[in-house]
Amino acid sequence: LGPQQESAEASADATPTQDPRPAGWPAQVSDERATRLLPLPTAPAGSGGYELIGISADATPTRFDPCRPLHYVVNPDRAPRGGVGLVRQAVARASAATGLRFTYDGRTDEPWTKTRRPVQRQRYGDRWVPVLIGWATDREDPELAGFVAGVGGGYSVSREGGTEHFVTGQVVLDLDAFRRLTRERDRATARGIVQHELGHVVGLDHVDDSSQLMYRETRDGVTDYADGDLRGLAIAGDGPCLPDD
């Protein structure tokens, strides 16, 4: 259940243009709005119970822009029965907990790869690639070896001197583990694993509290976000609007 984070910093083009975007960046998004798309959820009372990935020198966490949709796709290749629906249920919970609007762009045949390119114009057009969610075996991804049921993380960018922020991410789920959970009809645990990995995508790290879903191991009876998780997810969803990025 390990987190991953990739980032890329780019310098802006010195030549004045209408949209001086850094080299390699896609066109400016067309679905950015002036304010956040969904209300920020109210976090549970109390404090702690979460850890954030990607804290900058000024203590600002790396987050997605809440003023644009967070697009995602699912590769259903070899997915267990009901797998796509289960993913969409987990995404709905992550959206409610962060106040980020996730937009389902459908199914894809894009395979999971550790070196995924953040812009793939022939496949997705001139934009950041959507978050990719799919299944693999530990032979295809050695990080799934042992008792690891999934790996997830975000991909962040920043202009020179700008705000580092997530623009996409991916989740790979252990095929054998999900087939076993399907046989056992344990959809709650399976959905909880997806929610855990989505937590990594939006910027949460593991915690030492075993009552939280972001604990590093799956625990019996812990199948949904707990109070500490929800506090962290509310912070993860409270990023600034970034209309130029």
Protein backbone atom coordinates (compact mmCIF):
# COMPACT_ATOMS: atom_id res chain seq x y z
CA LEU A 1 0.00 0.00 0.00
CA GLY A 2 2.89 2.27 -0.77
CA PRO A 3 2.81 5.89 -1.91
CA GLN A 4 4.63 7.31 -4.89
CA GLN A 5 5.18 10.90 -5.93
CA GLU A 6 6.80 12.19 -9.08
CA SER A 7 7.45 15.82 -9.86
CA ALA A 8 8.84 18.00 -12.60
CA GLU A 9 9.91 21.63 -12.39
CA ALA A 10 9.99 23.65 -15.59
CA SER A 11 11.29 27.08 -16.45
CA ALA A 12 8.98 29.35 -18.39
CA ASP A 13 9.84 30.16 -22.00
CA ALA A 14 11.71 33.46 -22.17
CA THR A 15 10.04 34.39 -25.47
CA PRO A 16 6.84 36.41 -24.87
CA THR A 17 3.78 34.57 -26.17
CA GLN A 18 0.06 34.67 -25.49
CA ASP A 19 0.47 31.67 -23.17
CA PRO A 20 4.14 31.32 -22.11
CA ARG A 21 3.90 27.76 -20.90
CA PRO A 22 7.00 25.77 -19.97
CA ALA A 23 8.38 23.39 -22.57
CA GLY A 24 6.61 20.05 -22.57
CA TRP A 25 3.47 21.32 -20.90
CA PRO A 26 0.11 20.83 -22.65
CA ALA A 27 -2.20 23.65 -23.66
CA GLN A 28 -3.90 25.63 -20.92
CA VAL A 29 -6.93 23.74 -19.66
CA SER A 30 -10.37 24.85 -20.84
CA ASP A 31 -12.34 23.57 -17.85
CA GLU A 32 -10.73 25.79 -15.19
CA ARG A 33 -13.20 27.91 -13.22
CA ALA A 34 -12.69 31.04 -11.11
CA THR A 35 -13.71 29.28 -7.90
CA ARG A 36 -13.62 25.71 -6.62
CA LEU A 37 -16.06 23.33 -8.28
CA LEU A 38 -17.30 21.65 -5.11
CA PRO A 39 -17.60 22.95 -1.55
CA LEU A 40 -14.74 22.17 0.79
CA PRO A 41 -15.94 19.49 3.21
CA THR A 42 -15.96 20.17 6.93
CA ALA A 43 -13.24 18.14 8.63
CA PRO A 44 -14.00 16.23 11.84
CA ALA A 45 -13.24 18.01 15.09
CA GLY A 46 -9.89 17.32 16.68
CA SER A 47 -6.40 17.25 15.22
CA GLY A 48 -3.84 14.90 13.74
CA GLY A 49 -4.25 11.40 12.42
CA TYR A 50 -2.80 12.18 8.98
CA GLU A 51 0.46 12.84 7.16
CA LEU A 52 0.93 14.81 3.95
CA ILE A 53 3.28 14.09 1.05
CA GLY A 54 5.27 16.83 -0.63
CA ILE A 55 5.47 19.58 1.98
CA SER A 56 7.42 22.55 0.56
CA ALA A 57 9.97 24.68 2.39
CA ASP A 58 7.21 27.13 3.41
CA ALA A 59 5.07 24.24 4.79
CA THR A 60 2.65 24.31 1.84
CA PRO A 61 1.43 20.83 0.82
CA THR A 62 1.35 19.73 -2.80
CA ARG A 63 -2.29 19.58 -3.93
CA PHE A 64 -4.58 19.42 -6.94
CA ASP A 65 -6.30 22.55 -8.23
CA PRO A 66 -9.88 22.40 -6.87
CA CYS A 67 -11.11 24.78 -9.58
CA ARG A 68 -10.82 22.21 -12.36
CA PRO A 69 -12.01 18.60 -12.65
CA LEU A 70 -9.65 15.80 -11.70
CA HIS A 71 -10.03 13.51 -14.69
CA TYR A 72 -9.52 9.76 -14.33
CA VAL A 73 -9.71 6.63 -16.48
CA VAL A 74 -9.82 2.92 -15.67
CA ASN A 75 -8.03 0.14 -17.53
CA PRO A 76 -10.40 -2.83 -17.05
CA ASP A 77 -7.99 -5.40 -18.50
CA ARG A 78 -8.24 -8.49 -16.25
CA ALA A 79 -10.20 -6.53 -13.67
CA PRO A 80 -12.13 -8.72 -11.22
CA ARG A 81 -15.88 -8.85 -11.66
CA GLY A 82 -17.38 -5.52 -10.69
CA GLY A 83 -13.93 -3.95 -10.48
CA VAL A 84 -14.71 -0.80 -12.46
CA GLY A 85 -17.83 -0.12 -10.42
CA LEU A 86 -15.88 -0.64 -7.22
CA VAL A 87 -13.27 1.90 -8.36
CA ARG A 88 -15.98 4.44 -9.10
CA GLN A 89 -17.45 3.96 -5.63
CA ALA A 90 -14.03 4.57 -4.09
CA VAL A 91 -13.55 7.67 -6.23
CA ALA A 92 -16.91 9.02 -5.05
CA ARG A 93 -15.75 8.69 -1.44
CA ALA A 94 -12.44 10.40 -2.20
CA SER A 95 -14.29 13.22 -3.94
CA ALA A 96 -16.66 13.72 -1.00
CA ALA A 97 -13.74 13.77 1.45
CA THR A 98 -11.61 16.26 -0.51
CA GLY A 99 -14.16 18.44 -2.27
CA LEU A 100 -12.32 17.71 -5.53
CA ARG A 101 -14.53 16.99 -8.52
CA PHE A 102 -13.42 13.72 -10.12
CA THR A 103 -14.58 13.30 -13.72
CA TYR A 104 -14.72 9.79 -15.20
CA ASP A 105 -13.37 9.85 -18.75
CA GLY A 106 -14.20 6.19 -19.36
CA ARG A 107 -12.11 3.11 -19.97
CA THR A 108 -8.65 3.03 -21.48
CA ASP A 109 -6.24 0.46 -22.85
CA GLU A 110 -3.23 2.36 -21.51
CA PRO A 111 -1.10 -0.06 -19.48
CA TRP A 112 0.39 0.84 -16.13
CA THR A 113 4.05 1.83 -16.25
CA LYS A 114 6.31 3.38 -13.65
CA THR A 115 7.63 5.81 -16.27
CA ARG A 116 4.24 7.05 -17.46
CA ARG A 117 4.41 10.18 -19.62
CA PRO A 118 2.32 13.07 -18.19
CA VAL A 119 1.31 14.28 -21.66
CA GLN A 120 0.12 11.79 -24.31
CA ARG A 121 -1.47 13.82 -27.07
CA GLN A 122 -2.29 10.91 -29.38
CA ARG A 123 -4.17 9.08 -26.63
CA TYR A 124 -5.73 11.87 -24.55
CA GLY A 125 -5.31 15.08 -26.51
CA ASP A 126 -3.40 18.23 -25.60
CA ARG A 127 -3.80 18.08 -21.81
CA TRP A 128 -2.33 16.45 -18.75
CA VAL A 129 -3.12 12.76 -18.81
CA PRO A 130 -5.98 11.68 -16.54
CA VAL A 131 -5.31 9.69 -13.39
CA LEU A 132 -4.93 6.04 -14.45
CA ILE A 133 -6.34 3.20 -12.35
CA GLY A 134 -5.76 -0.44 -13.27
CA TRP A 135 -4.61 -3.88 -12.18
CA ALA A 136 -1.31 -5.74 -12.52
CA THR A 137 0.56 -8.69 -11.05
CA ASP A 138 3.73 -8.54 -9.00
CA ARG A 139 5.58 -9.92 -12.03
CA GLU A 140 4.56 -6.82 -13.97
CA ASP A 141 5.19 -4.48 -11.05
CA PRO A 142 7.62 -5.79 -8.42
CA GLU A 143 6.33 -3.17 -5.96
CA LEU A 144 3.22 -5.36 -5.60
CA ALA A 145 5.27 -8.28 -4.29
CA GLY A 146 4.49 -9.76 -0.90
CA PHE A 147 1.47 -8.35 0.92
CA VAL A 148 1.24 -5.09 -1.07
CA ALA A 149 -2.29 -4.75 -2.48
CA GLY A 150 -1.78 -1.50 -4.36
CA VAL A 151 0.50 1.42 -5.14
CA GLY A 152 -0.68 4.96 -5.80
CA GLY A 153 0.74 8.43 -6.15
CA GLY A 154 0.46 11.81 -7.79
CA TYR A 155 2.56 13.61 -10.41
CA SER A 156 3.31 17.25 -9.65
CA VAL A 157 4.67 20.17 -11.66
CA SER A 158 5.61 23.77 -11.03
CA ARG A 159 6.76 26.77 -12.95
CA GLU A 160 10.06 28.27 -11.89
CA GLY A 161 9.27 29.92 -8.57
CA GLY A 162 5.63 28.86 -8.81
CA THR A 163 3.34 26.66 -6.74
CA GLU A 164 4.06 22.96 -6.99
CA HIS A 165 0.80 21.14 -7.58
CA PHE A 166 -0.48 17.78 -8.72
CA VAL A 167 -1.77 17.46 -12.28
CA THR A 168 -2.28 13.70 -12.55
CA GLY A 169 -1.41 10.40 -10.91
CA GLN A 170 -1.98 6.68 -11.09
CA VAL A 171 -3.03 3.67 -9.06
CA VAL A 172 -2.03 0.07 -9.73
CA LEU A 173 -3.92 -2.64 -7.84
CA ASP A 174 -2.68 -6.16 -7.16
CA LEU A 175 -4.65 -8.48 -9.44
CA ASP A 176 -4.26 -11.58 -7.27
CA ALA A 177 -5.34 -9.77 -4.10
CA PHE A 178 -8.44 -8.34 -5.77
CA ARG A 179 -9.40 -11.68 -7.27
CA ARG A 180 -9.17 -13.22 -3.81
CA LEU A 181 -11.30 -10.47 -2.29
CA THR A 182 -13.84 -10.94 -5.08
CA ARG A 183 -14.04 -14.67 -4.36
CA GLU A 184 -14.54 -13.90 -0.68
CA ARG A 185 -17.14 -11.24 -1.58
CA ASP A 186 -15.25 -8.74 0.53
CA ARG A 187 -16.02 -5.64 -1.51
CA ALA A 188 -15.65 -3.34 1.48
CA THR A 189 -11.98 -4.24 1.96
CA ALA A 190 -11.34 -4.03 -1.80
CA ARG A 191 -12.96 -0.60 -2.00
CA GLY A 192 -10.99 0.52 1.05
CA ILE A 193 -7.73 -0.42 -0.68
CA VAL A 194 -8.67 1.73 -3.67
CA GLN A 195 -9.58 4.60 -1.34
CA HIS A 196 -6.21 4.22 0.40
CA GLU A 197 -4.35 4.49 -2.90
CA LEU A 198 -6.45 7.47 -3.97
CA GLY A 199 -5.41 9.06 -0.69
CA HIS A 200 -1.81 8.80 -1.89
CA VAL A 201 -2.78 10.28 -5.28
CA VAL A 202 -4.19 13.43 -3.67
CA GLY A 203 -1.26 13.82 -1.29
CA LEU A 204 -1.64 11.71 1.86
CA ASP A 205 1.17 9.58 3.26
CA HIS A 206 1.02 6.60 5.60
CA VAL A 207 0.27 7.07 9.29
CA ASP A 208 1.19 5.03 12.36
CA ASP A 209 -2.39 4.94 13.67
CA SER A 210 -3.88 1.56 12.74
CA SER A 211 -7.44 2.90 13.10
CA GLN A 212 -6.97 5.08 10.01
CA LEU A 213 -7.39 3.89 6.44
CA MET A 214 -4.02 5.45 5.55
CA TYR A 215 -2.24 3.02 7.88
CA ARG A 216 0.41 1.17 5.91
CA GLU A 217 -1.34 -2.20 6.20
CA THR A 218 -4.90 -3.34 5.61
CA ARG A 219 -6.65 -3.91 8.94
CA ASP A 220 -9.80 -5.92 9.59
CA GLY A 221 -12.79 -3.63 9.94
CA VAL A 222 -11.02 -0.51 8.65
CA THR A 223 -12.60 -0.11 5.22
CA ASP A 224 -13.42 3.61 4.99
CA TYR A 225 -11.81 6.93 5.79
CA ALA A 226 -11.61 7.59 9.54
CA ASP A 227 -11.44 10.97 11.28
CA GLY A 228 -7.70 11.48 10.84
CA ASP A 229 -7.91 10.52 7.17
CA LEU A 230 -10.78 12.98 6.69
CA ARG A 231 -8.81 15.80 8.31
CA GLY A 232 -5.91 15.17 5.96
CA LEU A 233 -8.13 14.81 2.90
CA ALA A 234 -9.85 18.13 3.65
CA ILE A 235 -6.42 19.80 3.68
CA ALA A 236 -5.47 17.98 0.46
CA GLY A 237 -8.58 19.38 -1.20
CA ASP A 238 -8.02 22.95 -0.02
CA GLY A 239 -5.50 24.04 -2.63
CA PRO A 240 -5.51 27.33 -4.57
CA CYS A 241 -6.97 27.94 -8.02
CA LEU A 242 -4.17 27.92 -10.60
CA PRO A 243 -5.74 29.30 -13.80
CA ASP A 244 -2.44 29.69 -15.65
CA ASP A 245 -1.21 26.14 -15.05
